N, C-alpha and C. Protein backbone atom coordinates (compact mmCIF):
# COMPACT_ATOMS: atom_id res chain seq x y z
N UNK A 1 1.72 -19.03 1.25
CA UNK A 1 0.77 -17.97 1.51
C UNK A 1 -0.65 -18.49 1.38
N UNK A 2 -0.83 -19.58 0.64
CA UNK A 2 -2.12 -20.24 0.59
C UNK A 2 -3.22 -19.45 -0.09
N UNK A 3 -4.34 -19.32 0.57
CA UNK A 3 -5.53 -18.70 -0.03
C UNK A 3 -5.37 -17.23 -0.35
N UNK A 4 -4.44 -16.55 0.26
CA UNK A 4 -4.23 -15.12 0.01
C UNK A 4 -3.30 -14.85 -1.15
N UNK A 5 -2.65 -15.89 -1.65
CA UNK A 5 -1.67 -15.73 -2.71
C UNK A 5 -2.25 -15.10 -3.97
N UNK A 6 -3.49 -15.42 -4.30
CA UNK A 6 -4.10 -14.89 -5.52
C UNK A 6 -4.28 -13.38 -5.49
N UNK A 7 -4.23 -12.79 -4.28
CA UNK A 7 -4.38 -11.34 -4.17
C UNK A 7 -3.15 -10.59 -4.68
N UNK A 8 -1.99 -11.22 -4.69
CA UNK A 8 -0.76 -10.49 -5.03
C UNK A 8 0.14 -11.20 -6.03
N UNK A 9 -0.26 -12.32 -6.59
CA UNK A 9 0.65 -13.06 -7.46
C UNK A 9 0.62 -12.60 -8.92
N UNK A 10 -0.07 -11.53 -9.23
CA UNK A 10 -0.08 -10.97 -10.58
C UNK A 10 -0.03 -9.44 -10.47
N UNK A 11 0.39 -8.77 -11.54
CA UNK A 11 0.42 -7.30 -11.49
C UNK A 11 -0.95 -6.68 -11.19
N UNK A 12 -2.01 -7.26 -11.76
CA UNK A 12 -3.35 -6.73 -11.50
C UNK A 12 -3.75 -6.97 -10.04
N UNK A 13 -3.43 -8.14 -9.52
CA UNK A 13 -3.73 -8.45 -8.13
C UNK A 13 -2.97 -7.54 -7.18
N UNK A 14 -1.70 -7.27 -7.49
CA UNK A 14 -0.89 -6.39 -6.65
C UNK A 14 -1.44 -4.97 -6.67
N UNK A 15 -1.88 -4.50 -7.84
CA UNK A 15 -2.47 -3.16 -7.93
C UNK A 15 -3.76 -3.08 -7.12
N UNK A 16 -4.58 -4.14 -7.17
CA UNK A 16 -5.81 -4.18 -6.37
C UNK A 16 -5.52 -4.20 -4.88
N UNK A 17 -4.49 -4.95 -4.48
CA UNK A 17 -4.09 -5.02 -3.07
C UNK A 17 -3.61 -3.65 -2.60
N UNK A 18 -2.82 -2.98 -3.43
CA UNK A 18 -2.31 -1.64 -3.10
C UNK A 18 -3.46 -0.65 -2.94
N UNK A 19 -4.45 -0.73 -3.81
CA UNK A 19 -5.60 0.18 -3.73
C UNK A 19 -6.49 -0.13 -2.53
N UNK A 20 -6.76 -1.41 -2.30
CA UNK A 20 -7.66 -1.79 -1.22
C UNK A 20 -7.12 -1.40 0.16
N UNK A 21 -5.79 -1.56 0.36
CA UNK A 21 -5.20 -1.27 1.66
C UNK A 21 -4.47 0.07 1.69
N UNK A 22 -4.72 0.91 0.71
CA UNK A 22 -4.22 2.30 0.62
C UNK A 22 -2.71 2.38 0.85
N UNK A 23 -1.98 1.59 0.09
CA UNK A 23 -0.52 1.59 0.18
C UNK A 23 -0.01 2.60 -0.85
N UNK A 24 0.70 3.64 -0.41
CA UNK A 24 1.16 4.69 -1.33
C UNK A 24 2.10 4.13 -2.41
N UNK A 25 2.16 4.81 -3.56
CA UNK A 25 3.00 4.32 -4.66
C UNK A 25 4.49 4.30 -4.34
N UNK A 26 4.94 5.15 -3.42
CA UNK A 26 6.38 5.16 -3.10
C UNK A 26 6.81 4.00 -2.21
N UNK A 27 5.85 3.22 -1.71
CA UNK A 27 6.16 2.03 -0.91
C UNK A 27 6.26 0.85 -1.85
N UNK A 28 7.42 0.19 -1.85
CA UNK A 28 7.63 -0.95 -2.73
C UNK A 28 6.95 -2.21 -2.21
N UNK A 29 6.34 -2.95 -3.11
CA UNK A 29 5.72 -4.23 -2.77
C UNK A 29 6.33 -5.31 -3.64
N UNK A 30 6.57 -6.45 -3.04
CA UNK A 30 7.12 -7.57 -3.79
C UNK A 30 6.51 -8.86 -3.27
N UNK A 31 6.08 -9.69 -4.19
CA UNK A 31 5.51 -10.99 -3.83
C UNK A 31 6.65 -12.00 -3.72
N UNK A 32 6.75 -12.67 -2.58
CA UNK A 32 7.72 -13.75 -2.42
C UNK A 32 7.22 -14.71 -1.35
N UNK A 33 7.72 -15.92 -1.41
CA UNK A 33 7.36 -16.91 -0.41
C UNK A 33 8.09 -16.62 0.90
N UNK A 34 7.59 -17.13 2.00
CA UNK A 34 8.14 -16.87 3.32
C UNK A 34 9.61 -17.28 3.42
N UNK A 35 10.00 -18.35 2.73
CA UNK A 35 11.38 -18.81 2.79
C UNK A 35 12.34 -17.84 2.11
N UNK A 36 11.84 -17.03 1.18
CA UNK A 36 12.69 -16.13 0.40
C UNK A 36 12.87 -14.76 1.05
N UNK A 37 12.13 -14.44 2.09
CA UNK A 37 12.14 -13.09 2.66
C UNK A 37 13.53 -12.67 3.10
N UNK A 38 14.23 -13.52 3.81
CA UNK A 38 15.55 -13.14 4.32
C UNK A 38 16.57 -12.96 3.21
N UNK A 39 16.41 -13.69 2.13
CA UNK A 39 17.38 -13.60 1.03
C UNK A 39 17.12 -12.41 0.12
N UNK A 40 15.86 -12.05 -0.08
CA UNK A 40 15.52 -10.95 -0.99
C UNK A 40 15.59 -9.58 -0.33
N UNK A 41 15.49 -9.51 0.98
CA UNK A 41 15.48 -8.22 1.67
C UNK A 41 16.86 -7.59 1.63
N UNK A 42 16.89 -6.29 1.26
CA UNK A 42 18.15 -5.56 1.22
C UNK A 42 18.28 -4.69 2.46
N UNK A 43 19.47 -4.19 2.71
CA UNK A 43 19.74 -3.33 3.86
C UNK A 43 18.84 -2.09 3.79
N UNK A 44 18.24 -1.75 4.91
CA UNK A 44 17.37 -0.58 4.98
C UNK A 44 15.92 -0.86 4.64
N UNK A 45 15.59 -2.07 4.27
CA UNK A 45 14.22 -2.43 3.95
C UNK A 45 13.54 -3.08 5.14
N UNK A 46 12.23 -2.90 5.23
CA UNK A 46 11.43 -3.51 6.27
C UNK A 46 10.48 -4.49 5.61
N UNK A 47 10.38 -5.68 6.16
CA UNK A 47 9.48 -6.69 5.63
C UNK A 47 8.23 -6.72 6.50
N UNK A 48 7.09 -6.53 5.87
CA UNK A 48 5.81 -6.58 6.58
C UNK A 48 4.97 -7.67 5.91
N UNK A 49 4.59 -8.70 6.65
CA UNK A 49 3.80 -9.77 6.05
C UNK A 49 2.42 -9.29 5.62
N UNK A 50 1.93 -9.90 4.58
CA UNK A 50 0.62 -9.55 4.02
C UNK A 50 -0.50 -9.71 5.04
N UNK A 51 -0.37 -10.68 5.93
CA UNK A 51 -1.42 -10.95 6.91
C UNK A 51 -1.64 -9.76 7.84
N UNK A 52 -0.61 -8.94 8.05
CA UNK A 52 -0.76 -7.74 8.89
C UNK A 52 -1.76 -6.77 8.27
N UNK A 53 -1.83 -6.74 6.95
CA UNK A 53 -2.80 -5.88 6.27
C UNK A 53 -4.18 -6.51 6.25
N UNK A 54 -4.24 -7.77 5.87
CA UNK A 54 -5.52 -8.46 5.68
C UNK A 54 -6.24 -8.69 7.00
N UNK A 55 -5.57 -9.31 7.97
CA UNK A 55 -6.22 -9.65 9.24
C UNK A 55 -6.17 -8.50 10.24
N UNK A 56 -5.08 -7.77 10.25
CA UNK A 56 -4.90 -6.71 11.25
C UNK A 56 -5.42 -5.37 10.82
N UNK A 57 -5.76 -5.21 9.54
CA UNK A 57 -6.26 -3.93 9.07
C UNK A 57 -5.19 -2.86 9.02
N UNK A 58 -3.93 -3.24 8.96
CA UNK A 58 -2.83 -2.27 8.94
C UNK A 58 -2.84 -1.49 7.63
N UNK A 59 -2.61 -0.21 7.71
CA UNK A 59 -2.44 0.62 6.53
C UNK A 59 -1.14 1.40 6.67
N UNK A 60 -0.58 1.80 5.57
CA UNK A 60 0.63 2.63 5.56
C UNK A 60 0.22 3.98 5.01
N UNK A 61 0.58 5.11 5.53
CA UNK A 61 1.50 5.28 6.63
C UNK A 61 0.83 4.97 7.97
N UNK A 62 1.63 4.57 8.92
CA UNK A 62 1.13 4.21 10.24
C UNK A 62 0.77 5.47 11.02
N UNK A 63 -0.16 5.32 11.91
CA UNK A 63 -0.52 6.42 12.79
C UNK A 63 0.57 6.68 13.82
N UNK A 64 0.48 7.79 14.45
CA UNK A 64 1.50 8.21 15.42
C UNK A 64 1.62 7.22 16.57
N UNK A 65 0.48 6.74 17.09
CA UNK A 65 0.51 5.84 18.24
C UNK A 65 1.15 4.50 17.86
N UNK A 66 0.80 3.96 16.70
CA UNK A 66 1.40 2.70 16.26
C UNK A 66 2.89 2.86 16.06
N UNK A 67 3.28 3.92 15.39
CA UNK A 67 4.71 4.18 15.14
C UNK A 67 5.49 4.33 16.45
N UNK A 68 4.93 5.11 17.39
CA UNK A 68 5.59 5.32 18.67
C UNK A 68 5.67 4.02 19.48
N UNK A 69 4.63 3.20 19.41
CA UNK A 69 4.63 1.91 20.12
C UNK A 69 5.76 1.02 19.58
N UNK A 70 5.86 0.91 18.25
CA UNK A 70 6.90 0.07 17.66
C UNK A 70 8.29 0.59 18.01
N UNK A 71 8.47 1.89 17.95
CA UNK A 71 9.77 2.46 18.30
C UNK A 71 10.07 2.30 19.78
N UNK A 72 9.09 2.56 20.63
CA UNK A 72 9.28 2.47 22.08
C UNK A 72 9.65 1.08 22.56
N UNK A 73 9.11 0.07 21.89
CA UNK A 73 9.39 -1.32 22.27
C UNK A 73 10.44 -1.96 21.36
N UNK A 74 11.03 -1.16 20.49
CA UNK A 74 12.08 -1.61 19.57
C UNK A 74 11.63 -2.85 18.80
N UNK A 75 10.45 -2.74 18.16
CA UNK A 75 9.87 -3.84 17.40
C UNK A 75 9.80 -3.49 15.92
N UNK A 76 9.92 -4.51 15.10
CA UNK A 76 9.65 -4.38 13.68
C UNK A 76 8.21 -4.83 13.46
N UNK A 77 7.52 -4.33 12.44
CA UNK A 77 6.12 -4.72 12.24
C UNK A 77 5.90 -6.23 12.12
N UNK A 78 6.86 -6.97 11.56
CA UNK A 78 6.66 -8.41 11.41
C UNK A 78 6.82 -9.17 12.72
N UNK A 79 7.22 -8.51 13.80
CA UNK A 79 7.34 -9.16 15.10
C UNK A 79 6.04 -9.09 15.90
N UNK A 80 5.05 -8.41 15.39
CA UNK A 80 3.79 -8.20 16.11
C UNK A 80 2.68 -9.07 15.54
N UNK A 81 1.70 -9.34 16.35
CA UNK A 81 0.53 -10.07 15.86
C UNK A 81 -0.34 -9.14 15.03
N UNK A 82 -1.13 -9.72 14.17
CA UNK A 82 -1.97 -8.92 13.28
C UNK A 82 -2.98 -8.07 14.05
N UNK A 83 -3.53 -8.59 15.16
CA UNK A 83 -4.52 -7.85 15.93
C UNK A 83 -3.94 -6.60 16.60
N UNK A 84 -2.64 -6.59 16.85
CA UNK A 84 -2.01 -5.43 17.46
C UNK A 84 -2.23 -4.18 16.60
N UNK A 85 -2.13 -4.35 15.28
CA UNK A 85 -2.29 -3.21 14.38
C UNK A 85 -3.74 -2.71 14.37
N UNK A 86 -4.67 -3.62 14.51
CA UNK A 86 -6.09 -3.22 14.57
C UNK A 86 -6.35 -2.44 15.85
N UNK A 87 -5.83 -2.92 16.97
CA UNK A 87 -6.05 -2.25 18.26
C UNK A 87 -5.40 -0.88 18.28
N UNK A 88 -4.13 -0.81 17.91
CA UNK A 88 -3.43 0.48 17.93
C UNK A 88 -4.02 1.44 16.89
N UNK A 89 -4.46 0.91 15.76
CA UNK A 89 -5.09 1.77 14.75
C UNK A 89 -6.39 2.38 15.25
N UNK A 90 -7.16 1.61 16.01
CA UNK A 90 -8.41 2.14 16.58
C UNK A 90 -8.14 3.19 17.63
N UNK A 91 -7.10 2.98 18.44
CA UNK A 91 -6.73 3.96 19.46
C UNK A 91 -6.28 5.25 18.78
N UNK A 92 -5.51 5.10 17.71
CA UNK A 92 -5.00 6.26 16.97
C UNK A 92 -6.13 7.05 16.32
N UNK A 93 -7.15 6.34 15.83
CA UNK A 93 -8.26 7.03 15.18
C UNK A 93 -9.07 7.80 16.19
């Protein structure tokens, strides 16, 4: 994760990340390396990379247009580029 790792590698950092990107408390966050994502993810969970929030400006809950776009194209959030979330978020606003 490199330079962004310090944002989420401690409980205080994770709380700051949650507040800065307005992630609701009912959404679970877990810090793990990219190699561990497939092993740690359980059935019914969605993995969203941190870069989608930092570079793409993604916030949860998603707007209607973003949600409909992902469903319409049968995409998971981690399959999209970070800028896609910024563009769709601006259209939604």
